[in-house]
C-alpha atoms as a PDB file:
ATOM      1  CA  MET A   1      23.274  22.897   5.418  1.00  0.00           C
ATOM      2  CA  SER A   2      21.963  23.538   8.972  1.00  0.00           C
ATOM      3  CA  ARG A   3      24.126  22.598  12.019  1.00  0.00           C
ATOM      4  CA  SER A   4      23.524  22.361  15.707  1.00  0.00           C
ATOM      5  CA  ILE A   5      25.870  22.846  18.561  1.00  0.00           C
ATOM      6  CA  VAL A   6      26.558  19.909  20.912  1.00  0.00           C
ATOM      7  CA  ALA A   7      27.593  19.999  24.490  1.00  0.00           C
ATOM      8  CA  ASP A   8      31.353  20.295  23.816  1.00  0.00           C
ATOM      9  CA  GLY A   9      30.832  23.258  21.543  1.00  0.00           C
ATOM     10  CA  THR A  10      31.462  21.520  18.237  1.00  0.00           C
ATOM     11  CA  ALA A  11      29.121  21.663  15.280  1.00  0.00           C
ATOM     12  CA  ALA A  12      26.939  18.644  14.492  1.00  0.00           C
ATOM     13  CA  VAL A  13      25.612  18.022  11.066  1.00  0.00           C
ATOM     14  CA  ASP A  14      21.802  17.946  10.559  1.00  0.00           C
ATOM     15  CA  LEU A  15      21.375  14.353   9.514  1.00  0.00           C
ATOM     16  CA  PRO A  16      17.730  14.746   8.299  1.00  0.00           C
ATOM     17  CA  ALA A  17      18.752  17.622   6.105  1.00  0.00           C
ATOM     18  CA  MET A  18      21.724  15.727   4.680  1.00  0.00           C
ATOM     19  CA  GLU A  19      19.586  12.717   3.858  1.00  0.00           C
ATOM     20  CA  HIS A  20      16.961  14.977   2.156  1.00  0.00           C
ATOM     21  CA  ALA A  21      19.732  16.542   0.072  1.00  0.00           C
ATOM     22  CA  VAL A  22      21.115  13.129  -0.992  1.00  0.00           C
ATOM     23  CA  PHE A  23      17.632  11.848  -1.973  1.00  0.00           C
ATOM     24  CA  ALA A  24      16.973  15.063  -3.973  1.00  0.00           C
ATOM     25  CA  GLU A  25      20.275  14.616  -5.759  1.00  0.00           C
ATOM     26  CA  ARG A  26      19.343  11.039  -6.601  1.00  0.00           C
ATOM     27  CA  ARG A  27      16.001  12.103  -7.922  1.00  0.00           C
ATOM     28  CA  LYS A  28      17.616  14.711 -10.169  1.00  0.00           C
ATOM     29  CA  ARG A  29      20.126  12.153 -11.473  1.00  0.00           C
ATOM     30  CA  ARG A  30      17.320   9.650 -12.306  1.00  0.00           C
ATOM     31  CA  THR A  31      15.388  12.398 -14.022  1.00  0.00           C
ATOM     32  CA  ARG A  32      18.340  13.445 -16.000  1.00  0.00           C
ATOM     33  CA  VAL A  33      19.145   9.920 -17.060  1.00  0.00           C
ATOM     34  CA  ARG A  34      15.483   9.225 -18.001  1.00  0.00           C
ATOM     35  CA  LEU A  35      15.517  12.435 -20.207  1.00  0.00           C
ATOM     36  CA  GLN A  36      18.754  11.375 -21.908  1.00  0.00           C
ATOM     37  CA  VAL A  37      17.377   7.873 -22.560  1.00  0.00           C
ATOM     38  CA  TRP A  38      14.207   9.209 -24.206  1.00  0.00           C
ATOM     39  CA  ALA A  39      16.171  11.723 -26.204  1.00  0.00           C
ATOM     40  CA  ILE A  40      18.357   8.895 -27.620  1.00  0.00           C
ATOM     41  CA  ARG A  41      15.212   6.707 -28.325  1.00  0.00           C
ATOM     42  CA  ILE A  42      13.487   9.531 -30.201  1.00  0.00           C
ATOM     43  CA  ALA A  43      16.584  10.329 -32.127  1.00  0.00           C
ATOM     44  CA  VAL A  44      17.099   6.761 -33.238  1.00  0.00           C
ATOM     45  CA  ALA A  45      13.479   6.501 -34.254  1.00  0.00           C
ATOM     46  CA  VAL A  46      13.481   9.652 -36.208  1.00  0.00           C
ATOM     47  CA  VAL A  47      16.777   8.594 -38.034  1.00  0.00           C
ATOM     48  CA  LEU A  48      15.355   5.191 -38.915  1.00  0.00           C
ATOM     49  CA  VAL A  49      11.915   6.268 -40.026  1.00  0.00           C
ATOM     50  CA  GLY A  50      13.307   9.385 -41.719  1.00  0.00           C
ATOM     51  CA  GLY A  51      15.882   7.459 -43.537  1.00  0.00           C
ATOM     52  CA  TRP A  52      13.358   4.809 -44.564  1.00  0.00           C
ATOM     53  CA  TYR A  53      10.986   7.429 -45.827  1.00  0.00           C
ATOM     54  CA  PHE A  54      13.720   9.280 -47.734  1.00  0.00           C
ATOM     55  CA  ALA A  55      15.009   6.054 -49.382  1.00  0.00           C
ATOM     56  CA  SER A  56      11.543   4.821 -50.400  1.00  0.00           C
ATOM     57  CA  HIS A  57      10.462   8.064 -51.849  1.00  0.00           C
ATOM     58  CA  GLN A  58      13.828   8.817 -53.596  1.00  0.00           C
ATOM     59  CA  GLY A  59      13.786   5.493 -55.398  1.00  0.00           C
ATOM     60  CA  LEU A  60      16.757   4.107 -53.484  1.00  0.00           C
ATOM     61  CA  ILE A  61      14.801   0.993 -52.507  1.00  0.00           C
ATOM     62  CA  ASN A  62      12.122  -0.918 -54.281  1.00  0.00           C
ATOM     63  CA  PRO A  63       8.778  -0.147 -52.723  1.00  0.00           C
ATOM     64  CA  LEU A  64       7.415  -3.390 -54.028  1.00  0.00           C
ATOM     65  CA  PHE A  65       9.688  -5.321 -51.434  1.00  0.00           C
ATOM     66  CA  VAL A  66      10.030  -2.779 -48.632  1.00  0.00           C
ATOM     67  CA  SER A  67       7.123  -0.247 -49.007  1.00  0.00           C
ATOM     68  CA  SER A  68       7.322   3.083 -47.176  1.00  0.00           C
ATOM     69  CA  PRO A  69       6.527   4.343 -43.656  1.00  0.00           C
ATOM     70  CA  ASP A  70       3.390   6.221 -44.723  1.00  0.00           C
ATOM     71  CA  ALA A  71       2.079   3.187 -46.613  1.00  0.00           C
ATOM     72  CA  VAL A  72       2.772   0.992 -43.616  1.00  0.00           C
ATOM     73  CA  ALA A  73       0.986   3.369 -41.290  1.00  0.00           C
ATOM     74  CA  LYS A  74      -1.919   3.447 -43.582  1.00  0.00           C
ATOM     75  CA  GLY A  75      -2.047  -0.354 -43.786  1.00  0.00           C
ATOM     76  CA  LEU A  76      -1.909  -0.595 -40.063  1.00  0.00           C
ATOM     77  CA  VAL A  77      -4.841   1.821 -39.547  1.00  0.00           C
ATOM     78  CA  ASN A  78      -6.848  -0.057 -42.068  1.00  0.00           C
ATOM     79  CA  GLN A  79      -6.284  -3.339 -40.413  1.00  0.00           C
ATOM     80  CA  LEU A  80      -7.103  -1.922 -36.951  1.00  0.00           C
ATOM     81  CA  GLY A  81     -10.438  -1.146 -38.213  1.00  0.00           C
ATOM     82  CA  ASP A  82     -10.978  -4.717 -39.450  1.00  0.00           C
ATOM     83  CA  ALA A  83     -12.882  -6.961 -37.006  1.00  0.00           C
ATOM     84  CA  ALA A  84     -11.059 -10.085 -38.571  1.00  0.00           C
ATOM     85  CA  PHE A  85      -7.814  -8.545 -37.558  1.00  0.00           C
ATOM     86  CA  TRP A  86      -8.704  -8.582 -33.962  1.00  0.00           C
ATOM     87  CA  THR A  87      -9.794 -12.229 -34.192  1.00  0.00           C
ATOM     88  CA  ASP A  88      -6.312 -12.979 -35.361  1.00  0.00           C
ATOM     89  CA  VAL A  89      -4.810 -10.895 -32.565  1.00  0.00           C
ATOM     90  CA  SER A  90      -6.751 -12.746 -29.917  1.00  0.00           C
ATOM     91  CA  ALA A  91      -5.916 -16.066 -31.484  1.00  0.00           C
ATOM     92  CA  THR A  92      -2.209 -15.370 -31.574  1.00  0.00           C
ATOM     93  CA  PHE A  93      -1.804 -13.809 -28.177  1.00  0.00           C
ATOM     94  CA  GLY A  94      -4.315 -16.199 -26.495  1.00  0.00           C
ATOM     95  CA  GLY A  95      -2.114 -19.176 -27.615  1.00  0.00           C
ATOM     96  CA  ALA A  96       1.023 -17.281 -26.660  1.00  0.00           C
ATOM     97  CA  LEU A  97      -0.312 -16.543 -23.223  1.00  0.00           C
ATOM     98  CA  ALA A  98      -1.497 -20.104 -22.646  1.00  0.00           C
ATOM     99  CA  GLY A  99       1.846 -21.423 -23.760  1.00  0.00           C
ATOM    100  CA  LEU A 100       3.640 -18.924 -21.473  1.00  0.00           C
ATOM    101  CA  ALA A 101       1.500 -19.921 -18.478  1.00  0.00           C
ATOM    102  CA  ALA A 102       1.636 -23.643 -18.898  1.00  0.00           C
ATOM    103  CA  GLY A 103       5.225 -23.918 -20.084  1.00  0.00           C
ATOM    104  CA  GLY A 104       6.420 -21.467 -17.404  1.00  0.00           C
ATOM    105  CA  LEU A 105       4.620 -23.216 -14.603  1.00  0.00           C
ATOM    106  CA  LEU A 106       5.927 -26.627 -15.705  1.00  0.00           C
ATOM    107  CA  GLY A 107       9.421 -25.328 -16.129  1.00  0.00           C
ATOM    108  CA  ILE A 108       9.418 -23.825 -12.599  1.00  0.00           C
ATOM    109  CA  VAL A 109       8.108 -26.982 -11.024  1.00  0.00           C
ATOM    110  CA  THR A 110      10.644 -29.114 -12.916  1.00  0.00           C
ATOM    111  CA  GLY A 111      13.517 -26.781 -11.831  1.00  0.00           C
ATOM    112  CA  VAL A 112      12.418 -27.036  -8.168  1.00  0.00           C
ATOM    113  CA  VAL A 113      12.225 -30.758  -8.359  1.00  0.00           C
ATOM    114  CA  PHE A 114      15.586 -31.042 -10.003  1.00  0.00           C
ATOM    115  CA  SER A 115      17.174 -28.712  -7.428  1.00  0.00           C
ATOM    116  CA  ARG A 116      16.077 -31.229  -4.806  1.00  0.00           C
ATOM    117  CA  SER A 117      17.314 -34.349  -6.481  1.00  0.00           C
ATOM    118  CA  GLU A 118      20.685 -34.345  -8.257  1.00  0.00           C
ATOM    119  CA  VAL A 119      20.206 -37.959  -9.218  1.00  0.00           C
ATOM    120  CA  LEU A 120      16.866 -37.222 -10.967  1.00  0.00           C
ATOM    121  CA  GLU A 121      18.421 -34.231 -12.705  1.00  0.00           C
ATOM    122  CA  ARG A 122      21.368 -36.130 -14.081  1.00  0.00           C
ATOM    123  CA  ALA A 123      19.108 -39.007 -15.165  1.00  0.00           C
ATOM    124  CA  ALA A 124      16.739 -36.710 -17.063  1.00  0.00           C
ATOM    125  CA  THR A 125      19.306 -34.350 -18.548  1.00  0.00           C
ATOM    126  CA  PRO A 126      20.074 -36.418 -21.733  1.00  0.00           C
ATOM    127  CA  PHE A 127      16.330 -36.595 -22.608  1.00  0.00           C
ATOM    128  CA  LEU A 128      15.689 -32.948 -21.975  1.00  0.00           C
ATOM    129  CA  THR A 129      18.775 -32.015 -24.007  1.00  0.00           C
ATOM    130  CA  LEU A 130      17.454 -34.036 -26.913  1.00  0.00           C
ATOM    131  CA  ALA A 131      13.981 -32.455 -26.612  1.00  0.00           C
ATOM    132  CA  ASN A 132      15.358 -28.957 -26.352  1.00  0.00           C
ATOM    133  CA  SER A 133      17.554 -29.539 -29.435  1.00  0.00           C
ATOM    134  CA  LEU A 134      14.490 -30.272 -31.606  1.00  0.00           C
ATOM    135  CA  PRO A 135      13.864 -27.398 -33.940  1.00  0.00           C
ATOM    136  CA  ARG A 136      10.597 -25.736 -33.180  1.00  0.00           C
ATOM    137  CA  PRO A 137       9.506 -25.471 -36.935  1.00  0.00           C
ATOM    138  CA  ALA A 138       9.672 -29.376 -37.016  1.00  0.00           C
ATOM    139  CA  LEU A 139       7.309 -29.612 -33.988  1.00  0.00           C
ATOM    140  CA  ALA A 140       4.705 -27.232 -35.458  1.00  0.00           C
ATOM    141  CA  PRO A 141       3.507 -29.522 -38.211  1.00  0.00           C
ATOM    142  CA  ILE A 142       3.519 -32.556 -36.011  1.00  0.00           C
ATOM    143  CA  PHE A 143       1.369 -30.778 -33.455  1.00  0.00           C
ATOM    144  CA  ILE A 144      -1.011 -29.672 -36.162  1.00  0.00           C
ATOM    145  CA  LEU A 145      -1.164 -33.250 -37.373  1.00  0.00           C
ATOM    146  CA  TRP A 146      -2.088 -34.446 -33.913  1.00  0.00           C
ATOM    147  CA  PHE A 147      -4.453 -31.563 -32.753  1.00  0.00           C
ATOM    148  CA  GLY A 148      -5.588 -29.925 -35.921  1.00  0.00           C
ATOM    149  CA  LEU A 149      -5.430 -26.237 -36.978  1.00  0.00           C
ATOM    150  CA  GLY A 150      -6.968 -24.748 -33.800  1.00  0.00           C
ATOM    151  CA  PHE A 151      -5.753 -23.424 -30.527  1.00  0.00           C
ATOM    152  CA  ALA A 152      -3.676 -26.408 -29.237  1.00  0.00           C
ATOM    153  CA  PRO A 153      -0.727 -26.420 -31.646  1.00  0.00           C
ATOM    154  CA  LYS A 154       0.334 -22.796 -31.156  1.00  0.00           C
ATOM    155  CA  ALA A 155       0.013 -23.113 -27.366  1.00  0.00           C
ATOM    156  CA  LEU A 156       2.101 -26.249 -27.433  1.00  0.00           C
ATOM    157  CA  VAL A 157       4.854 -24.812 -29.617  1.00  0.00           C
ATOM    158  CA  ALA A 158       4.953 -21.630 -27.408  1.00  0.00           C
ATOM    159  CA  GLY A 159       5.002 -23.729 -24.259  1.00  0.00           C
ATOM    160  CA  SER A 160       7.751 -26.021 -25.650  1.00  0.00           C
ATOM    161  CA  VAL A 161      10.037 -22.989 -25.981  1.00  0.00           C
ATOM    162  CA  VAL A 162       9.048 -21.245 -22.598  1.00  0.00           C
ATOM    163  CA  TYR A 163       9.449 -24.517 -20.628  1.00  0.00           C
ATOM    164  CA  PHE A 164      13.210 -24.829 -21.163  1.00  0.00           C
ATOM    165  CA  VAL A 165      13.778 -21.140 -20.527  1.00  0.00           C
ATOM    166  CA  LEU A 166      12.115 -21.293 -17.093  1.00  0.00           C
ATOM    167  CA  LEU A 167      13.583 -24.719 -16.300  1.00  0.00           C
ATOM    168  CA  THR A 168      17.079 -23.470 -16.832  1.00  0.00           C
ATOM    169  CA  SER A 169      16.645 -20.271 -14.913  1.00  0.00           C
ATOM    170  CA  THR A 170      14.801 -21.788 -12.001  1.00  0.00           C
ATOM    171  CA  LEU A 171      17.406 -24.539 -11.567  1.00  0.00           C
ATOM    172  CA  ALA A 172      20.319 -22.069 -11.848  1.00  0.00           C
ATOM    173  CA  SER A 173      18.871 -19.557  -9.399  1.00  0.00           C
ATOM    174  CA  LEU A 174      18.091 -22.270  -6.777  1.00  0.00           C
ATOM    175  CA  ARG A 175      21.507 -23.983  -7.128  1.00  0.00           C
ATOM    176  CA  GLY A 176      23.206 -20.507  -6.963  1.00  0.00           C
ATOM    177  CA  ILE A 177      22.019 -19.769  -3.408  1.00  0.00           C
ATOM    178  CA  ASP A 178      24.938 -19.261  -1.027  1.00  0.00           C
ATOM    179  CA  HIS A 179      25.920 -22.384   0.703  1.00  0.00           C
ATOM    180  CA  ASP A 180      26.524 -20.589   3.966  1.00  0.00           C
ATOM    181  CA  VAL A 181      22.967 -19.401   3.990  1.00  0.00           C
ATOM    182  CA  LEU A 182      21.708 -23.003   3.477  1.00  0.00           C
ATOM    183  CA  GLN A 183      23.916 -24.158   6.333  1.00  0.00           C
ATOM    184  CA  LEU A 184      22.544 -21.479   8.531  1.00  0.00           C
ATOM    185  CA  THR A 185      19.037 -22.562   7.828  1.00  0.00           C
ATOM    186  CA  ARG A 186      19.964 -26.101   8.844  1.00  0.00           C
ATOM    187  CA  SER A 187      21.575 -24.927  12.034  1.00  0.00           C
ATOM    188  CA  LEU A 188      18.313 -23.134  12.817  1.00  0.00           C
ATOM    189  CA  SER A 189      16.451 -26.401  12.325  1.00  0.00           C
ATOM    190  CA  MET A 190      14.324 -25.023   9.542  1.00  0.00           C
ATOM    191  CA  SER A 191      12.192 -27.713   7.724  1.00  0.00           C
ATOM    192  CA  PRO A 192      12.628 -28.120   3.976  1.00  0.00           C
ATOM    193  CA  VAL A 193       9.292 -26.410   3.422  1.00  0.00           C
ATOM    194  CA  GLN A 194      10.301 -23.430   5.553  1.00  0.00           C
ATOM    195  CA  ARG A 195      13.666 -23.134   3.910  1.00  0.00           C
ATOM    196  CA  PHE A 196      12.020 -23.205   0.491  1.00  0.00           C
ATOM    197  CA  LEU A 197       9.380 -20.626   1.246  1.00  0.00           C
ATOM    198  CA  LYS A 198      11.450 -18.202   3.266  1.00  0.00           C
ATOM    199  CA  ILE A 199      14.948 -18.411   1.782  1.00  0.00           C
ATOM    200  CA  GLU A 200      15.071 -20.240  -1.522  1.00  0.00           C
ATOM    201  CA  LEU A 201      11.988 -19.010  -3.303  1.00  0.00           C
ATOM    202  CA  PRO A 202      12.397 -15.288  -2.359  1.00  0.00           C
ATOM    203  CA  ALA A 203      16.018 -15.490  -3.633  1.00  0.00           C
ATOM    204  CA  ALA A 204      15.130 -17.211  -6.957  1.00  0.00           C
ATOM    205  CA  LEU A 205      11.998 -15.156  -7.672  1.00  0.00           C
ATOM    206  CA  PRO A 206      13.785 -12.179  -9.383  1.00  0.00           C
ATOM    207  CA  SER A 207      15.677 -14.481 -11.727  1.00  0.00           C
ATOM    208  CA  ILE A 208      12.436 -16.480 -12.409  1.00  0.00           C
ATOM    209  CA  VAL A 209      10.409 -13.395 -13.270  1.00  0.00           C
ATOM    210  CA  GLY A 210      13.257 -12.108 -15.398  1.00  0.00           C
ATOM    211  CA  ALA A 211      13.203 -15.320 -17.324  1.00  0.00           C
ATOM    212  CA  LEU A 212       9.509 -14.915 -17.798  1.00  0.00           C
ATOM    213  CA  ARG A 213      10.208 -11.694 -19.808  1.00  0.00           C
ATOM    214  CA  LEU A 214      12.349 -13.705 -22.204  1.00  0.00           C
ATOM    215  CA  GLY A 215       9.834 -16.484 -22.274  1.00  0.00           C
ATOM    216  CA  ALA A 216       7.037 -13.997 -23.161  1.00  0.00           C
ATOM    217  CA  VAL A 217       8.851 -13.011 -26.339  1.00  0.00           C
ATOM    218  CA  TYR A 218       9.606 -16.638 -27.248  1.00  0.00           C
ATOM    219  CA  ALA A 219       5.940 -17.548 -26.687  1.00  0.00           C
ATOM    220  CA  VAL A 220       4.784 -15.037 -29.202  1.00  0.00           C
ATOM    221  CA  LEU A 221       7.424 -16.207 -31.672  1.00  0.00           C
ATOM    222  CA  GLY A 222       6.309 -19.782 -31.079  1.00  0.00           C
ATOM    223  CA  ALA A 223       2.658 -19.056 -31.627  1.00  0.00           C
ATOM    224  CA  VAL A 224       3.290 -17.097 -34.815  1.00  0.00           C
ATOM    225  CA  LEU A 225       5.543 -19.838 -36.141  1.00  0.00           C
ATOM    226  CA  SER A 226       2.863 -22.441 -35.626  1.00  0.00           C
ATOM    227  CA  GLU A 227       0.246 -20.294 -37.353  1.00  0.00           C
ATOM    228  CA  MET A 228       2.554 -19.732 -40.328  1.00  0.00           C
ATOM    229  CA  VAL A 229       2.741 -23.552 -40.741  1.00  0.00           C
ATOM    230  CA  GLY A 230      -1.066 -23.811 -40.607  1.00  0.00           C
ATOM    231  CA  ALA A 231      -4.029 -22.257 -38.631  1.00  0.00           C
ATOM    232  CA  TYR A 232      -7.539 -21.068 -39.128  1.00  0.00           C
ATOM    233  CA  TYR A 233      -6.853 -17.713 -37.490  1.00  0.00           C
ATOM    234  CA  GLY A 234      -3.812 -15.834 -36.246  1.00  0.00           C
ATOM    235  CA  LEU A 235      -1.284 -13.060 -37.057  1.00  0.00           C
ATOM    236  CA  GLY A 236       1.047 -15.652 -38.508  1.00  0.00           C
ATOM    237  CA  GLN A 237      -1.461 -16.938 -40.891  1.00  0.00           C
ATOM    238  CA  ARG A 238      -2.459 -13.472 -41.794  1.00  0.00           C
ATOM    239  CA  LEU A 239       1.108 -12.633 -42.554  1.00  0.00           C
ATOM    240  CA  VAL A 240       1.463 -15.622 -44.826  1.00  0.00           C
ATOM    241  CA  VAL A 241      -1.617 -14.524 -46.726  1.00  0.00           C
ATOM    242  CA  LEU A 242      -0.541 -10.959 -47.056  1.00  0.00           C
ATOM    243  CA  THR A 243       2.965 -11.739 -48.302  1.00  0.00           C
ATOM    244  CA  GLY A 244       1.634 -14.351 -50.679  1.00  0.00           C
ATOM    245  CA  ASN A 245      -0.540 -11.512 -52.265  1.00  0.00           C
ATOM    246  CA  PHE A 246       2.457  -9.130 -52.360  1.00  0.00           C
ATOM    247  CA  LYS A 247       0.837  -6.704 -49.823  1.00  0.00           C
ATOM    248  CA  VAL A 248       4.128  -5.593 -48.410  1.00  0.00           C
ATOM    249  CA  ALA A 249       2.828  -2.463 -46.556  1.00  0.00           C
ATOM    250  CA  GLU A 250       0.127  -4.528 -44.674  1.00  0.00           C
ATOM    251  CA  SER A 251       2.805  -7.320 -43.965  1.00  0.00           C
ATOM    252  CA  PHE A 252       5.079  -4.754 -42.283  1.00  0.00           C
ATOM    253  CA  ALA A 253       2.060  -3.357 -40.453  1.00  0.00           C
ATOM    254  CA  VAL A 254       1.430  -6.768 -38.981  1.00  0.00           C
ATOM    255  CA  LEU A 255       5.084  -7.156 -37.965  1.00  0.00           C
ATOM    256  CA  ILE A 256       5.199  -3.778 -36.251  1.00  0.00           C
ATOM    257  CA  PHE A 257       1.929  -4.526 -34.452  1.00  0.00           C
ATOM    258  CA  MET A 258       3.267  -7.928 -33.192  1.00  0.00           C
ATOM    259  CA  GLY A 259       6.419  -6.117 -32.009  1.00  0.00           C
ATOM    260  CA  ILE A 260       4.286  -3.501 -30.163  1.00  0.00           C
ATOM    261  CA  MET A 261       2.212  -6.121 -28.369  1.00  0.00           C
ATOM    262  CA  SER A 262       5.293  -8.061 -27.439  1.00  0.00           C
ATOM    263  CA  MET A 263       6.693  -4.943 -25.940  1.00  0.00           C
ATOM    264  CA  VAL A 264       3.545  -4.438 -23.929  1.00  0.00           C
ATOM    265  CA  LEU A 265       3.748  -7.943 -22.645  1.00  0.00           C
ATOM    266  CA  ASP A 266       7.429  -7.474 -21.841  1.00  0.00           C
ATOM    267  CA  TYR A 267       6.875  -4.281 -19.891  1.00  0.00           C
ATOM    268  CA  THR A 268       3.878  -5.919 -18.040  1.00  0.00           C
ATOM    269  CA  ILE A 269       6.192  -8.699 -16.836  1.00  0.00           C
ATOM    270  CA  LYS A 270       8.911  -6.106 -16.193  1.00  0.00           C
ATOM    271  CA  GLY A 271       6.523  -4.334 -13.826  1.00  0.00           C
ATOM    272  CA  LEU A 272       5.834  -7.631 -12.102  1.00  0.00           C
ATOM    273  CA  GLU A 273       9.563  -8.111 -11.742  1.00  0.00           C
ATOM    274  CA  HIS A 274       9.937  -4.812  -9.970  1.00  0.00           C
ATOM    275  CA  VAL A 275       7.198  -5.667  -7.565  1.00  0.00           C
ATOM    276  CA  VAL A 276       8.760  -9.034  -6.786  1.00  0.00           C
ATOM    277  CA  ALA A 277      12.279  -7.544  -6.441  1.00  0.00           C
ATOM    278  CA  SER A 278      11.093  -4.895  -4.054  1.00  0.00           C
ATOM    279  CA  ARG A 279       9.226  -7.401  -1.853  1.00  0.00           C
ATOM    280  CA  SER A 280      12.249  -9.807  -1.766  1.00  0.00           C
ATOM    281  CA  ARG A 281      14.549  -7.145  -0.286  1.00  0.00           C
END
């Protein structure tokens, strides 16, 4: 490490060089951790898929009910080349995204309103608790009865799940802001709008965006559930048809594809979370 001599003859540390060394060490540590994480992921995947392949081809499991990795991969490739499969994909994830957007926005707005009025929150809590306790499988056939087998039921079921996730997260994050910070904003004569836009919303955004990640997964589950009850198109309806015809490999292929698409959606929102968190610092 380079040093310089000050007026009294003592050695002074070169601060830029020290900072560079610290940042370089941090980069090395992040790279090492990333490599370790990927090594563990690959090892787990190899063990799971290898064990599944071995068990299926050695007769340890019944292929009629579980199939095998190579058969599932073949079934997935065949379906990816089918135009009807992509129609089902667009139907499922279109409904899930619509439910995520509508339910998320409504949940955030409701959380903001309740954070402003404790009386309104306490009055609405029993009704919201009752609505949230309703099982989503019971809502799906009712929505289908009201709106038919099209787009609306899956979006409504997805939105009904996402709404309560975002409502709870938004309300908790806004209520969790430090009381001293709020007192400071009042002493600075900030208006309620200024306080919300400059203090409360930036502080709550990371939690809200984090809740969107959870809501995205639930939205896909809600859409698929509605389709399994009844729909013209969708991966849920495709899964019901495939399992009804004992096409186990194709059924597992659909499940794997749904998992991959949910992961893509989750990582997309995770990227948004990093952007929001960096801007709120």
